[in-house]
Amino acid sequence: MLDFEAILSLNKIFENWYINDVKQEHQTIPTMAYRLEASDIVAEKIKISVVFK
């Protein structure tokens, strides 16, 4: 298990957070805290991304 926290610059406007291309519901602020689980790993990788407006 791994805790992940990301903090975006406040001067950027973003739309949503994604983990392995799955939109994370209720993640609409510029910080994201997420507890990574073994099931999040796909082909020995995890993809965490954010889409900006």
PDB file of N, CA and C in Angstrom:
ATOM      1  N   MET A   1       0.835  -1.155   0.000  1.00  0.00           N
ATOM      2  CA  MET A   1       0.000   0.000   0.000  1.00  0.00           C
ATOM      3  C   MET A   1       0.896   1.240   0.000  1.00  0.00           C
ATOM      4  N   LEU A   2       0.488   2.246  -0.764  1.00  0.00           N
ATOM      5  CA  LEU A   2       1.252   3.479  -0.883  1.00  0.00           C
ATOM      6  C   LEU A   2       0.276   4.643  -0.888  1.00  0.00           C
ATOM      7  N   ASP A   3       0.534   5.652  -0.074  1.00  0.00           N
ATOM      8  CA  ASP A   3      -0.290   6.856  -0.082  1.00  0.00           C
ATOM      9  C   ASP A   3       0.316   7.846  -1.069  1.00  0.00           C
ATOM     10  N   PHE A   4      -0.545   8.415  -1.900  1.00  0.00           N
ATOM     11  CA  PHE A   4      -0.137   9.347  -2.940  1.00  0.00           C
ATOM     12  C   PHE A   4      -0.863  10.665  -2.710  1.00  0.00           C
ATOM     13  N   GLU A   5      -0.130  11.764  -2.797  1.00  0.00           N
ATOM     14  CA  GLU A   5      -0.766  13.073  -2.698  1.00  0.00           C
ATOM     15  C   GLU A   5      -0.175  13.974  -3.769  1.00  0.00           C
ATOM     16  N   ALA A   6      -1.040  14.614  -4.532  1.00  0.00           N
ATOM     17  CA  ALA A   6      -0.610  15.544  -5.579  1.00  0.00           C
ATOM     18  C   ALA A   6      -1.232  16.904  -5.304  1.00  0.00           C
ATOM     19  N   ILE A   7      -0.457  17.939  -5.538  1.00  0.00           N
ATOM     20  CA  ILE A   7      -0.940  19.300  -5.356  1.00  0.00           C
ATOM     21  C   ILE A   7      -0.613  20.075  -6.630  1.00  0.00           C
ATOM     22  N   LEU A   8      -1.654  20.573  -7.286  1.00  0.00           N
ATOM     23  CA  LEU A   8      -1.469  21.330  -8.518  1.00  0.00           C
ATOM     24  C   LEU A   8      -1.291  22.808  -8.215  1.00  0.00           C
ATOM     25  N   SER A   9      -0.704  23.498  -9.149  1.00  0.00           N
ATOM     26  CA  SER A   9      -0.576  24.943  -9.052  1.00  0.00           C
ATOM     27  C   SER A   9      -1.971  25.565  -9.051  1.00  0.00           C
ATOM     28  N   LEU A  10      -2.190  26.542  -8.221  1.00  0.00           N
ATOM     29  CA  LEU A  10      -3.506  27.174  -8.130  1.00  0.00           C
ATOM     30  C   LEU A  10      -3.833  28.025  -9.350  1.00  0.00           C
ATOM     31  N   ASN A  11      -2.855  28.349 -10.187  1.00  0.00           N
ATOM     32  CA  ASN A  11      -3.138  29.159 -11.364  1.00  0.00           C
ATOM     33  C   ASN A  11      -3.566  28.318 -12.570  1.00  0.00           C
ATOM     34  N   LYS A  12      -3.679  27.028 -12.393  1.00  0.00           N
ATOM     35  CA  LYS A  12      -4.165  26.138 -13.461  1.00  0.00           C
ATOM     36  C   LYS A  12      -5.605  25.741 -13.155  1.00  0.00           C
ATOM     37  N   ILE A  13      -6.415  25.659 -14.204  1.00  0.00           N
ATOM     38  CA  ILE A  13      -7.794  25.207 -14.051  1.00  0.00           C
ATOM     39  C   ILE A  13      -7.861  23.791 -14.601  1.00  0.00           C
ATOM     40  N   PHE A  14      -8.275  22.873 -13.755  1.00  0.00           N
ATOM     41  CA  PHE A  14      -8.296  21.486 -14.196  1.00  0.00           C
ATOM     42  C   PHE A  14      -9.723  20.955 -14.206  1.00  0.00           C
ATOM     43  N   GLU A  15      -9.887  19.834 -14.893  1.00  0.00           N
ATOM     44  CA  GLU A  15     -11.215  19.236 -15.051  1.00  0.00           C
ATOM     45  C   GLU A  15     -11.402  18.026 -14.143  1.00  0.00           C
ATOM     46  N   ASN A  16     -10.526  17.035 -14.259  1.00  0.00           N
ATOM     47  CA  ASN A  16     -10.679  15.803 -13.477  1.00  0.00           C
ATOM     48  C   ASN A  16      -9.354  15.084 -13.305  1.00  0.00           C
ATOM     49  N   TRP A  17      -9.313  14.255 -12.267  1.00  0.00           N
ATOM     50  CA  TRP A  17      -8.208  13.333 -12.013  1.00  0.00           C
ATOM     51  C   TRP A  17      -8.587  11.958 -12.570  1.00  0.00           C
ATOM     52  N   TYR A  18      -7.574  11.214 -13.034  1.00  0.00           N
ATOM     53  CA  TYR A  18      -7.783   9.864 -13.558  1.00  0.00           C
ATOM     54  C   TYR A  18      -6.714   8.938 -12.998  1.00  0.00           C
ATOM     55  N   ILE A  19      -7.104   7.723 -12.686  1.00  0.00           N
ATOM     56  CA  ILE A  19      -6.164   6.671 -12.314  1.00  0.00           C
ATOM     57  C   ILE A  19      -6.400   5.519 -13.271  1.00  0.00           C
ATOM     58  N   ASN A  20      -5.339   5.163 -14.010  1.00  0.00           N
ATOM     59  CA  ASN A  20      -5.439   4.140 -15.063  1.00  0.00           C
ATOM     60  C   ASN A  20      -6.597   4.442 -16.005  1.00  0.00           C
ATOM     61  N   ASP A  21      -6.710   5.700 -16.390  1.00  0.00           N
ATOM     62  CA  ASP A  21      -7.723   6.192 -17.333  1.00  0.00           C
ATOM     63  C   ASP A  21      -9.154   6.106 -16.813  1.00  0.00           C
ATOM     64  N   VAL A  22      -9.338   5.891 -15.515  1.00  0.00           N
ATOM     65  CA  VAL A  22     -10.671   5.855 -14.909  1.00  0.00           C
ATOM     66  C   VAL A  22     -10.876   7.174 -14.155  1.00  0.00           C
ATOM     67  N   LYS A  23     -11.907   7.889 -14.551  1.00  0.00           N
ATOM     68  CA  LYS A  23     -12.207   9.163 -13.906  1.00  0.00           C
ATOM     69  C   LYS A  23     -12.500   8.944 -12.429  1.00  0.00           C
ATOM     70  N   GLN A  24     -11.880   9.755 -11.591  1.00  0.00           N
ATOM     71  CA  GLN A  24     -12.075   9.666 -10.153  1.00  0.00           C
ATOM     72  C   GLN A  24     -13.214  10.599  -9.748  1.00  0.00           C
ATOM     73  N   GLU A  25     -14.295  10.034  -9.300  1.00  0.00           N
ATOM     74  CA  GLU A  25     -15.466  10.809  -8.915  1.00  0.00           C
ATOM     75  C   GLU A  25     -15.156  11.651  -7.680  1.00  0.00           C
ATOM     76  N   HIS A  26     -15.738  12.805  -7.622  1.00  0.00           N
ATOM     77  CA  HIS A  26     -15.639  13.714  -6.476  1.00  0.00           C
ATOM     78  C   HIS A  26     -14.220  14.232  -6.256  1.00  0.00           C
ATOM     79  N   GLN A  27     -13.403  14.204  -7.288  1.00  0.00           N
ATOM     80  CA  GLN A  27     -12.046  14.756  -7.202  1.00  0.00           C
ATOM     81  C   GLN A  27     -12.024  16.041  -8.020  1.00  0.00           C
ATOM     82  N   THR A  28     -12.560  17.111  -7.466  1.00  0.00           N
ATOM     83  CA  THR A  28     -12.713  18.355  -8.216  1.00  0.00           C
ATOM     84  C   THR A  28     -11.960  19.521  -7.583  1.00  0.00           C
ATOM     85  N   ILE A  29     -10.957  19.213  -6.763  1.00  0.00           N
ATOM     86  CA  ILE A  29     -10.122  20.255  -6.189  1.00  0.00           C
ATOM     87  C   ILE A  29      -8.683  20.022  -6.638  1.00  0.00           C
ATOM     88  N   PRO A  30      -7.817  21.039  -6.546  1.00  0.00           N
ATOM     89  CA  PRO A  30      -6.461  20.887  -7.090  1.00  0.00           C
ATOM     90  C   PRO A  30      -5.521  20.022  -6.254  1.00  0.00           C
ATOM     91  N   THR A  31      -6.025  19.368  -5.217  1.00  0.00           N
ATOM     92  CA  THR A  31      -5.211  18.395  -4.492  1.00  0.00           C
ATOM     93  C   THR A  31      -5.915  17.045  -4.555  1.00  0.00           C
ATOM     94  N   MET A  32      -5.136  16.006  -4.549  1.00  0.00           N
ATOM     95  CA  MET A  32      -5.717  14.668  -4.582  1.00  0.00           C
ATOM     96  C   MET A  32      -4.928  13.771  -3.658  1.00  0.00           C
ATOM     97  N   ALA A  33      -5.624  13.118  -2.766  1.00  0.00           N
ATOM     98  CA  ALA A  33      -5.006  12.110  -1.911  1.00  0.00           C
ATOM     99  C   ALA A  33      -5.613  10.768  -2.291  1.00  0.00           C
ATOM    100  N   TYR A  34      -4.769   9.771  -2.446  1.00  0.00           N
ATOM    101  CA  TYR A  34      -5.246   8.469  -2.904  1.00  0.00           C
ATOM    102  C   TYR A  34      -4.363   7.390  -2.304  1.00  0.00           C
ATOM    103  N   ARG A  35      -4.958   6.331  -1.855  1.00  0.00           N
ATOM    104  CA  ARG A  35      -4.205   5.193  -1.333  1.00  0.00           C
ATOM    105  C   ARG A  35      -4.113   4.149  -2.441  1.00  0.00           C
ATOM    106  N   LEU A  36      -2.903   3.955  -2.962  1.00  0.00           N
ATOM    107  CA  LEU A  36      -2.689   2.983  -4.025  1.00  0.00           C
ATOM    108  C   LEU A  36      -2.749   1.576  -3.452  1.00  0.00           C
ATOM    109  N   GLU A  37      -3.455   0.720  -4.134  1.00  0.00           N
ATOM    110  CA  GLU A  37      -3.580  -0.684  -3.748  1.00  0.00           C
ATOM    111  C   GLU A  37      -2.922  -1.551  -4.826  1.00  0.00           C
ATOM    112  N   ALA A  38      -2.609  -2.763  -4.503  1.00  0.00           N
ATOM    113  CA  ALA A  38      -2.003  -3.682  -5.472  1.00  0.00           C
ATOM    114  C   ALA A  38      -2.884  -3.838  -6.705  1.00  0.00           C
ATOM    115  N   SER A  39      -4.191  -3.770  -6.541  1.00  0.00           N
ATOM    116  CA  SER A  39      -5.110  -3.925  -7.679  1.00  0.00           C
ATOM    117  C   SER A  39      -5.039  -2.753  -8.648  1.00  0.00           C
ATOM    118  N   ASP A  40      -4.442  -1.629  -8.244  1.00  0.00           N
ATOM    119  CA  ASP A  40      -4.283  -0.473  -9.135  1.00  0.00           C
ATOM    120  C   ASP A  40      -3.155  -0.674 -10.135  1.00  0.00           C
ATOM    121  N   ILE A  41      -2.278  -1.629  -9.889  1.00  0.00           N
ATOM    122  CA  ILE A  41      -1.117  -1.835 -10.747  1.00  0.00           C
ATOM    123  C   ILE A  41      -1.508  -2.696 -11.942  1.00  0.00           C
ATOM    124  N   VAL A  42      -1.227  -2.166 -13.136  1.00  0.00           N
ATOM    125  CA  VAL A  42      -1.529  -2.860 -14.389  1.00  0.00           C
ATOM    126  C   VAL A  42      -0.215  -2.975 -15.163  1.00  0.00           C
ATOM    127  N   ALA A  43       0.193  -4.181 -15.473  1.00  0.00           N
ATOM    128  CA  ALA A  43       1.451  -4.434 -16.193  1.00  0.00           C
ATOM    129  C   ALA A  43       2.619  -3.752 -15.484  1.00  0.00           C
ATOM    130  N   GLU A  44       2.654  -3.877 -14.160  1.00  0.00           N
ATOM    131  CA  GLU A  44       3.705  -3.334 -13.308  1.00  0.00           C
ATOM    132  C   GLU A  44       3.773  -1.814 -13.311  1.00  0.00           C
ATOM    133  N   LYS A  45       2.663  -1.152 -13.692  1.00  0.00           N
ATOM    134  CA  LYS A  45       2.631   0.317 -13.738  1.00  0.00           C
ATOM    135  C   LYS A  45       1.299   0.822 -13.217  1.00  0.00           C
ATOM    136  N   ILE A  46       1.294   2.084 -12.836  1.00  0.00           N
ATOM    137  CA  ILE A  46       0.058   2.779 -12.513  1.00  0.00           C
ATOM    138  C   ILE A  46       0.127   4.134 -13.204  1.00  0.00           C
ATOM    139  N   LYS A  47      -0.979   4.547 -13.764  1.00  0.00           N
ATOM    140  CA  LYS A  47      -1.035   5.819 -14.481  1.00  0.00           C
ATOM    141  C   LYS A  47      -1.939   6.771 -13.705  1.00  0.00           C
ATOM    142  N   ILE A  48      -1.384   7.877 -13.262  1.00  0.00           N
ATOM    143  CA  ILE A  48      -2.146   8.918 -12.579  1.00  0.00           C
ATOM    144  C   ILE A  48      -2.059  10.156 -13.455  1.00  0.00           C
ATOM    145  N   SER A  49      -3.210  10.672 -13.846  1.00  0.00           N
ATOM    146  CA  SER A  49      -3.191  11.825 -14.742  1.00  0.00           C
ATOM    147  C   SER A  49      -4.269  12.827 -14.352  1.00  0.00           C
ATOM    148  N   VAL A  50      -4.104  14.014 -14.879  1.00  0.00           N
ATOM    149  CA  VAL A  50      -5.058  15.092 -14.644  1.00  0.00           C
ATOM    150  C   VAL A  50      -5.317  15.759 -15.993  1.00  0.00           C
ATOM    151  N   VAL A  51      -6.559  16.164 -16.203  1.00  0.00           N
ATOM    152  CA  VAL A  51      -6.931  16.850 -17.439  1.00  0.00           C
ATOM    153  C   VAL A  51      -7.222  18.303 -17.095  1.00  0.00           C
ATOM    154  N   PHE A  52      -6.558  19.203 -17.813  1.00  0.00           N
ATOM    155  CA  PHE A  52      -6.766  20.631 -17.605  1.00  0.00           C
ATOM    156  C   PHE A  52      -7.799  21.161 -18.590  1.00  0.00           C
ATOM    157  N   LYS A  53      -8.509  22.190 -18.167  1.00  0.00           N
ATOM    158  CA  LYS A  53      -9.502  22.831 -19.049  1.00  0.00           C
ATOM    159  C   LYS A  53      -8.800  23.738 -20.017  1.00  0.00           C
TER     160      LYS A  53
END
